[in-house]
N, C-alpha and C. Protein backbone atom coordinates (compact mmCIF):
# COMPACT_ATOMS: atom_id res chain seq x y z
N MET A 1 103.41 97.45 155.19
CA MET A 1 103.06 97.51 153.69
C MET A 1 103.68 98.85 153.15
N VAL A 2 104.26 98.64 151.91
CA VAL A 2 104.89 99.80 151.30
C VAL A 2 104.05 100.27 150.13
N LEU A 3 103.68 101.59 150.15
CA LEU A 3 102.91 102.06 149.06
C LEU A 3 103.81 102.61 147.95
N MET A 4 103.41 102.51 146.68
CA MET A 4 104.16 103.02 145.69
C MET A 4 104.19 104.52 145.70
N VAL A 5 103.17 105.23 146.01
CA VAL A 5 103.03 106.67 145.91
C VAL A 5 102.25 107.10 147.14
N ALA A 6 102.71 108.05 147.85
CA ALA A 6 102.06 108.54 149.01
C ALA A 6 100.99 109.45 148.57
N LEU A 7 99.73 108.93 148.54
CA LEU A 7 98.57 109.56 148.17
C LEU A 7 97.63 109.78 149.34
N ASP A 8 96.92 110.94 149.41
CA ASP A 8 95.98 111.08 150.57
C ASP A 8 94.63 110.37 150.07
N GLU A 9 93.63 110.45 150.94
CA GLU A 9 92.38 109.77 150.72
C GLU A 9 91.66 110.32 149.49
N ASP A 10 91.70 111.63 149.31
CA ASP A 10 91.04 112.33 148.20
C ASP A 10 91.62 111.89 146.83
N ASP A 11 92.98 111.65 146.76
CA ASP A 11 93.61 111.20 145.62
C ASP A 11 93.22 109.77 145.25
N TRP A 12 93.21 108.96 146.29
CA TRP A 12 92.81 107.57 146.12
C TRP A 12 91.44 107.51 145.66
N LEU A 13 90.52 108.28 146.16
CA LEU A 13 89.15 108.27 145.68
C LEU A 13 89.05 108.58 144.21
N LEU A 14 89.81 109.67 143.79
CA LEU A 14 89.84 109.99 142.44
C LEU A 14 90.47 108.85 141.55
N VAL A 15 91.55 108.17 142.05
CA VAL A 15 92.09 107.09 141.34
C VAL A 15 91.02 105.90 141.15
N ARG A 16 90.35 105.71 142.30
CA ARG A 16 89.27 104.49 142.14
C ARG A 16 88.09 104.97 141.20
N ILE A 17 87.79 106.20 141.19
CA ILE A 17 86.69 106.55 140.33
C ILE A 17 87.11 106.47 138.78
N VAL A 18 88.31 106.90 138.54
CA VAL A 18 88.84 106.77 137.13
C VAL A 18 89.04 105.36 136.70
N TYR A 19 89.49 104.54 137.77
CA TYR A 19 89.74 103.13 137.42
C TYR A 19 88.45 102.42 137.19
N PHE A 20 87.39 102.74 137.96
CA PHE A 20 86.12 102.17 137.79
C PHE A 20 85.62 102.40 136.33
N PHE A 21 85.76 103.68 135.94
CA PHE A 21 85.32 103.94 134.58
C PHE A 21 86.16 103.26 133.51
N LEU A 22 87.52 103.20 133.66
CA LEU A 22 88.30 102.46 132.66
C LEU A 22 88.09 101.08 132.67
N SER A 23 87.90 100.43 133.90
CA SER A 23 87.63 98.98 133.91
C SER A 23 86.23 98.65 133.43
N SER A 24 85.30 99.55 133.52
CA SER A 24 83.96 99.32 132.94
C SER A 24 84.02 99.19 131.37
N ILE A 25 84.91 100.17 130.83
CA ILE A 25 85.08 100.14 129.43
C ILE A 25 85.82 98.88 129.05
N ALA A 26 86.80 98.43 129.80
CA ALA A 26 87.56 97.22 129.53
C ALA A 26 86.63 96.00 129.56
N ILE A 27 85.71 95.96 130.52
CA ILE A 27 84.80 94.78 130.56
C ILE A 27 83.92 94.86 129.38
N ILE A 28 83.32 95.95 128.92
CA ILE A 28 82.46 96.08 127.82
C ILE A 28 83.28 95.64 126.58
N ALA A 29 84.56 96.05 126.52
CA ALA A 29 85.41 95.72 125.28
C ALA A 29 85.75 94.20 125.38
N LEU A 30 85.83 93.57 126.54
CA LEU A 30 86.14 92.21 126.58
C LEU A 30 84.91 91.40 126.14
N VAL A 31 83.74 91.68 126.54
CA VAL A 31 82.53 91.10 126.13
C VAL A 31 82.32 91.14 124.66
N SER A 32 82.46 92.45 124.11
CA SER A 32 82.18 92.74 122.68
C SER A 32 83.21 91.92 121.83
N ASN A 33 84.56 91.98 122.22
CA ASN A 33 85.55 91.18 121.51
C ASN A 33 85.35 89.70 121.56
N SER A 34 84.88 89.25 122.66
CA SER A 34 84.69 87.79 122.71
C SER A 34 83.43 87.35 121.83
N LEU A 35 82.47 88.12 121.83
CA LEU A 35 81.29 87.89 120.92
C LEU A 35 81.73 88.00 119.43
N LEU A 36 82.61 88.88 119.08
CA LEU A 36 83.13 88.93 117.70
C LEU A 36 83.95 87.85 117.38
N LEU A 37 84.87 87.39 118.30
CA LEU A 37 85.70 86.23 118.14
C LEU A 37 84.93 85.00 117.94
N TYR A 38 83.87 84.81 118.83
CA TYR A 38 83.03 83.67 118.85
C TYR A 38 82.27 83.58 117.42
N THR A 39 81.72 84.67 117.08
CA THR A 39 80.97 84.77 115.76
C THR A 39 81.85 84.40 114.60
N SER A 40 83.05 84.96 114.60
CA SER A 40 84.00 84.67 113.45
C SER A 40 84.47 83.25 113.42
N ILE A 41 84.50 82.62 114.59
CA ILE A 41 84.95 81.20 114.63
C ILE A 41 83.86 80.25 114.22
N VAL A 42 82.59 80.54 114.73
CA VAL A 42 81.42 79.66 114.56
C VAL A 42 80.87 79.83 113.19
N THR A 43 80.68 80.97 112.61
CA THR A 43 79.99 81.15 111.29
C THR A 43 80.89 80.71 110.13
N LYS A 44 80.33 79.90 109.46
CA LYS A 44 81.20 79.35 108.24
C LYS A 44 81.40 80.33 107.18
N ASN A 45 80.46 81.32 107.00
CA ASN A 45 80.65 82.35 105.94
C ASN A 45 81.67 83.38 106.28
N LEU A 46 82.25 83.39 107.44
CA LEU A 46 83.19 84.38 107.79
C LEU A 46 84.65 83.71 107.83
N ARG A 47 85.01 82.99 106.79
CA ARG A 47 86.29 82.37 106.75
C ARG A 47 87.22 83.07 105.66
N SER A 48 86.90 84.26 105.27
CA SER A 48 87.87 84.90 104.37
C SER A 48 89.02 85.55 105.15
N THR A 49 90.07 85.91 104.49
CA THR A 49 91.25 86.46 105.06
C THR A 49 90.86 87.68 105.92
N CYS A 50 89.98 88.57 105.42
CA CYS A 50 89.71 89.70 106.17
C CYS A 50 88.97 89.46 107.47
N ASN A 51 88.06 88.38 107.39
CA ASN A 51 87.29 88.01 108.65
C ASN A 51 88.24 87.35 109.69
N ILE A 52 89.13 86.56 109.16
CA ILE A 52 90.17 85.91 110.05
C ILE A 52 90.95 86.89 110.73
N LEU A 53 91.41 87.94 110.02
CA LEU A 53 92.30 89.07 110.66
C LEU A 53 91.33 89.79 111.69
N ILE A 54 90.14 90.06 111.40
CA ILE A 54 89.18 90.67 112.38
C ILE A 54 89.09 89.88 113.62
N GLY A 55 88.94 88.50 113.45
CA GLY A 55 88.85 87.74 114.65
C GLY A 55 90.13 87.68 115.45
N CYS A 56 91.41 87.70 114.69
CA CYS A 56 92.57 87.91 115.49
C CYS A 56 92.85 89.24 116.12
N CYS A 57 92.26 90.28 115.54
CA CYS A 57 92.26 91.66 116.18
C CYS A 57 91.47 91.60 117.46
N ALA A 58 90.28 90.86 117.35
CA ALA A 58 89.45 90.76 118.56
C ALA A 58 90.15 90.00 119.75
N LEU A 59 90.74 88.91 119.36
CA LEU A 59 91.55 88.18 120.33
C LEU A 59 92.63 89.00 120.98
N PHE A 60 93.43 89.69 120.16
CA PHE A 60 94.52 90.52 120.74
C PHE A 60 93.97 91.70 121.57
N ASP A 61 92.82 92.26 121.15
CA ASP A 61 92.23 93.34 122.02
C ASP A 61 91.80 92.78 123.29
N MET A 62 91.27 91.61 123.39
CA MET A 62 90.98 90.94 124.58
C MET A 62 92.26 90.93 125.48
N CYS A 63 93.29 90.38 124.84
CA CYS A 63 94.50 90.38 125.74
C CYS A 63 94.91 91.78 126.19
N LEU A 64 94.79 92.74 125.43
CA LEU A 64 95.02 94.20 125.84
C LEU A 64 94.16 94.63 126.96
N ASN A 65 92.87 94.31 126.84
CA ASN A 65 91.99 94.72 127.90
C ASN A 65 92.02 94.02 129.25
N ILE A 66 92.72 92.82 129.15
CA ILE A 66 92.94 92.13 130.42
C ILE A 66 93.94 92.89 131.24
N GLY A 67 94.83 93.64 130.71
CA GLY A 67 95.87 94.34 131.26
C GLY A 67 95.23 95.48 132.21
N GLU A 68 94.04 96.00 131.76
CA GLU A 68 93.45 96.95 132.64
C GLU A 68 92.82 96.40 133.86
N LEU A 69 92.40 95.07 133.76
CA LEU A 69 91.69 94.55 134.98
C LEU A 69 92.68 93.93 135.98
N VAL A 70 93.95 93.69 135.59
CA VAL A 70 94.76 93.13 136.62
C VAL A 70 95.23 94.16 137.63
N GLN A 71 94.88 95.42 137.46
CA GLN A 71 95.27 96.41 138.49
C GLN A 71 94.40 96.49 139.58
N PHE A 72 93.26 95.59 139.56
CA PHE A 72 92.18 95.73 140.50
C PHE A 72 92.72 95.70 141.98
N PRO A 73 93.56 94.78 142.49
CA PRO A 73 93.96 94.81 143.88
C PRO A 73 94.77 95.94 144.26
N GLN A 74 95.62 96.45 143.28
CA GLN A 74 96.47 97.57 143.70
C GLN A 74 95.64 98.82 143.76
N VAL A 75 94.64 99.05 142.97
CA VAL A 75 93.87 100.28 143.09
C VAL A 75 92.88 100.29 144.20
N LEU A 76 92.20 99.20 144.34
CA LEU A 76 91.07 99.20 145.52
C LEU A 76 91.60 98.94 146.81
N PHE A 77 92.67 98.12 146.94
CA PHE A 77 93.19 97.71 148.23
C PHE A 77 94.50 98.29 148.61
N GLN A 78 95.11 99.12 147.78
CA GLN A 78 96.40 99.67 147.79
C GLN A 78 97.35 98.68 148.05
N PHE A 79 97.27 97.60 147.35
CA PHE A 79 98.13 96.51 147.31
C PHE A 79 99.40 96.75 146.55
N TYR A 80 100.68 96.34 147.24
CA TYR A 80 101.88 96.72 146.58
C TYR A 80 102.23 95.68 145.53
N ILE A 81 102.61 96.02 144.45
CA ILE A 81 103.22 95.07 143.46
C ILE A 81 104.60 95.60 143.00
N ASP A 82 105.58 94.80 143.12
CA ASP A 82 106.90 95.28 142.73
C ASP A 82 107.05 95.35 141.15
N SER A 83 107.98 95.88 140.63
CA SER A 83 108.19 96.20 139.15
C SER A 83 108.29 94.94 138.45
N TYR A 84 109.00 93.92 138.92
CA TYR A 84 109.06 92.59 138.17
C TYR A 84 107.71 91.97 137.99
N VAL A 85 106.90 91.94 138.96
CA VAL A 85 105.60 91.20 139.03
C VAL A 85 104.77 92.16 138.08
N CYS A 86 104.74 93.38 138.24
CA CYS A 86 103.95 94.33 137.38
C CYS A 86 104.26 94.15 135.86
N SER A 87 105.57 94.00 135.55
CA SER A 87 105.98 93.75 134.15
C SER A 87 105.58 92.43 133.69
N ALA A 88 105.66 91.25 134.51
CA ALA A 88 105.27 90.17 134.14
C ALA A 88 103.63 90.00 133.94
N ILE A 89 102.95 90.73 134.67
CA ILE A 89 101.50 90.78 134.49
C ILE A 89 101.19 91.58 133.29
N GLN A 90 101.81 92.61 133.06
CA GLN A 90 101.41 93.41 131.85
C GLN A 90 102.06 92.87 130.58
N LEU A 91 102.78 91.69 130.60
CA LEU A 91 103.29 91.06 129.33
C LEU A 91 102.23 90.72 128.45
N ILE A 92 101.06 90.03 128.88
CA ILE A 92 99.96 89.73 128.15
C ILE A 92 99.35 90.83 127.38
N SER A 93 99.23 92.03 128.15
CA SER A 93 98.69 93.20 127.59
C SER A 93 99.63 93.80 126.52
N GLU A 94 100.85 93.75 126.72
CA GLU A 94 101.80 94.40 125.82
C GLU A 94 101.86 93.49 124.44
N LEU A 95 101.91 92.17 124.78
CA LEU A 95 101.89 91.27 123.51
C LEU A 95 100.55 91.52 122.66
N GLY A 96 99.46 91.69 123.47
CA GLY A 96 98.15 91.93 122.68
C GLY A 96 98.09 93.22 121.99
N LEU A 97 98.87 94.25 122.58
CA LEU A 97 98.93 95.52 121.84
C LEU A 97 99.83 95.42 120.57
N SER A 98 100.92 94.70 120.76
CA SER A 98 101.84 94.58 119.56
C SER A 98 101.30 93.76 118.43
N ALA A 99 100.71 92.67 118.84
CA ALA A 99 100.06 91.76 117.77
C ALA A 99 98.81 92.41 117.24
N GLY A 100 98.01 93.11 118.06
CA GLY A 100 96.87 93.83 117.54
C GLY A 100 97.18 94.88 116.57
N ALA A 101 98.28 95.62 116.78
CA ALA A 101 98.68 96.64 115.85
C ALA A 101 99.20 96.03 114.51
N GLY A 102 99.77 94.87 114.62
CA GLY A 102 100.22 94.20 113.44
C GLY A 102 98.97 93.65 112.66
N CYS A 103 98.01 93.22 113.32
CA CYS A 103 96.83 92.73 112.61
C CYS A 103 96.05 93.87 111.96
N VAL A 104 96.00 94.94 112.61
CA VAL A 104 95.42 96.13 111.95
C VAL A 104 96.11 96.57 110.72
N VAL A 105 97.37 96.58 110.82
CA VAL A 105 98.16 96.85 109.60
C VAL A 105 97.89 95.93 108.35
N PHE A 106 97.91 94.57 108.63
CA PHE A 106 97.58 93.54 107.73
C PHE A 106 96.14 93.59 107.22
N LEU A 107 95.29 94.03 108.06
CA LEU A 107 94.02 94.10 107.69
C LEU A 107 93.85 95.19 106.68
N GLY A 108 94.43 96.40 107.03
CA GLY A 108 94.43 97.55 106.10
C GLY A 108 95.05 97.16 104.73
N LEU A 109 96.20 96.40 104.76
CA LEU A 109 96.81 96.09 103.50
C LEU A 109 95.99 95.08 102.64
N ASP A 110 95.16 94.17 103.47
CA ASP A 110 94.31 93.33 102.67
C ASP A 110 93.18 94.01 102.02
N ARG A 111 92.60 95.01 102.70
CA ARG A 111 91.62 95.77 102.12
C ARG A 111 92.10 96.67 101.07
N LEU A 112 93.35 97.16 101.14
CA LEU A 112 93.91 97.96 100.09
C LEU A 112 94.14 97.17 98.83
N ILE A 113 94.70 96.00 99.01
CA ILE A 113 95.04 95.16 97.84
C ILE A 113 93.63 94.76 97.21
N SER A 114 92.60 94.42 98.03
CA SER A 114 91.24 94.09 97.52
C SER A 114 90.67 95.19 96.75
N PHE A 115 90.81 96.38 97.26
CA PHE A 115 90.25 97.60 96.46
C PHE A 115 91.04 97.86 95.34
N VAL A 116 92.34 97.82 95.35
CA VAL A 116 93.16 98.03 94.15
C VAL A 116 92.90 96.95 93.08
N PHE A 117 92.67 95.73 93.42
CA PHE A 117 92.34 94.62 92.62
C PHE A 117 90.96 94.86 91.88
N ILE A 118 89.97 95.28 92.68
CA ILE A 118 88.63 95.62 92.21
C ILE A 118 88.72 96.73 91.16
N VAL A 119 89.49 97.88 91.58
CA VAL A 119 89.57 99.03 90.58
C VAL A 119 90.37 98.60 89.44
N HIS A 120 91.32 97.78 89.52
CA HIS A 120 92.12 97.24 88.43
C HIS A 120 91.16 96.42 87.52
N LEU A 121 90.46 95.46 87.99
CA LEU A 121 89.54 94.73 87.22
C LEU A 121 88.40 95.51 86.56
N THR A 122 88.04 96.64 87.25
CA THR A 122 86.96 97.52 86.60
C THR A 122 87.63 98.25 85.46
N GLY A 123 88.82 98.72 85.63
CA GLY A 123 89.49 99.40 84.50
C GLY A 123 89.67 98.39 83.30
N ILE A 124 90.12 97.23 83.57
CA ILE A 124 90.15 96.32 82.47
C ILE A 124 88.91 96.03 81.86
N ALA A 125 87.80 95.96 82.55
CA ALA A 125 86.46 95.76 82.02
C ALA A 125 85.93 96.92 81.21
N ILE A 126 86.28 98.04 81.68
CA ILE A 126 85.91 99.29 80.93
C ILE A 126 86.73 99.37 79.64
N TYR A 127 87.92 99.05 79.71
CA TYR A 127 88.85 99.08 78.56
C TYR A 127 88.34 98.10 77.57
N CYS A 128 88.01 96.90 78.02
CA CYS A 128 87.70 95.79 77.15
C CYS A 128 86.21 96.04 76.49
N SER A 129 85.34 96.73 77.23
CA SER A 129 84.04 96.98 76.71
C SER A 129 84.05 98.23 75.68
N TYR A 130 85.09 99.01 75.75
CA TYR A 130 85.13 100.22 74.80
C TYR A 130 85.27 99.83 73.38
N THR A 131 85.97 98.80 73.05
CA THR A 131 86.05 98.29 71.66
C THR A 131 84.65 97.81 71.16
N PRO A 132 84.04 96.99 71.75
CA PRO A 132 82.68 96.68 71.30
C PRO A 132 81.61 97.73 71.27
N TYR A 133 81.94 98.74 72.17
CA TYR A 133 81.06 99.98 72.09
C TYR A 133 81.38 100.73 70.73
N LEU A 134 82.62 100.96 70.46
CA LEU A 134 82.95 101.67 69.33
C LEU A 134 82.53 101.02 68.05
N MET A 135 82.58 99.59 68.07
CA MET A 135 82.05 98.83 66.93
C MET A 135 80.64 98.88 66.76
N TYR A 136 79.85 99.00 67.83
CA TYR A 136 78.43 99.09 67.76
C TYR A 136 77.97 100.47 67.36
N LYS A 137 78.62 101.58 68.04
CA LYS A 137 78.27 102.82 67.76
C LYS A 137 78.53 103.34 66.29
N TYR A 138 79.67 102.84 65.66
CA TYR A 138 80.09 103.41 64.39
C TYR A 138 79.93 102.35 63.35
N PHE A 139 79.18 101.44 63.55
CA PHE A 139 78.98 100.34 62.56
C PHE A 139 78.00 100.85 61.54
N ILE A 140 78.61 100.64 60.25
CA ILE A 140 77.89 101.09 58.96
C ILE A 140 77.63 99.80 58.29
N HIS A 141 76.25 99.51 58.08
CA HIS A 141 75.96 98.22 57.29
C HIS A 141 76.16 98.54 55.78
N GLN A 142 76.87 97.62 55.11
CA GLN A 142 77.14 97.87 53.76
C GLN A 142 76.54 96.79 52.87
């Protein structure tokens, strides 16, 4: 069996400890994102553009977190994976990263447009209410 890097046992122990910590976070993230995706699919009130984008972000984050867990045999059993297989396995994770970044950008744009629209409507409402205010304030009965 060919090892990718010649590490001694202390280094492998450190790699396994760090991997256990990172994979624990990935499992927690998978469970949390799956609950978020399930909630946004099942709940009828969460059908707005923002909530659909949040559900898509959860799905793509799940794809990203799967990439952390596929390293399990390599780290624990010092299993050799050649670069082609490693790239193919990490494809799902890379696609999740790219699509998740796009979803976050579009989510930010959606919230920005929503905020600008609300501020714009508030400005119009203030401007439109200023004329009746002036009429009421300076009305002189004759």
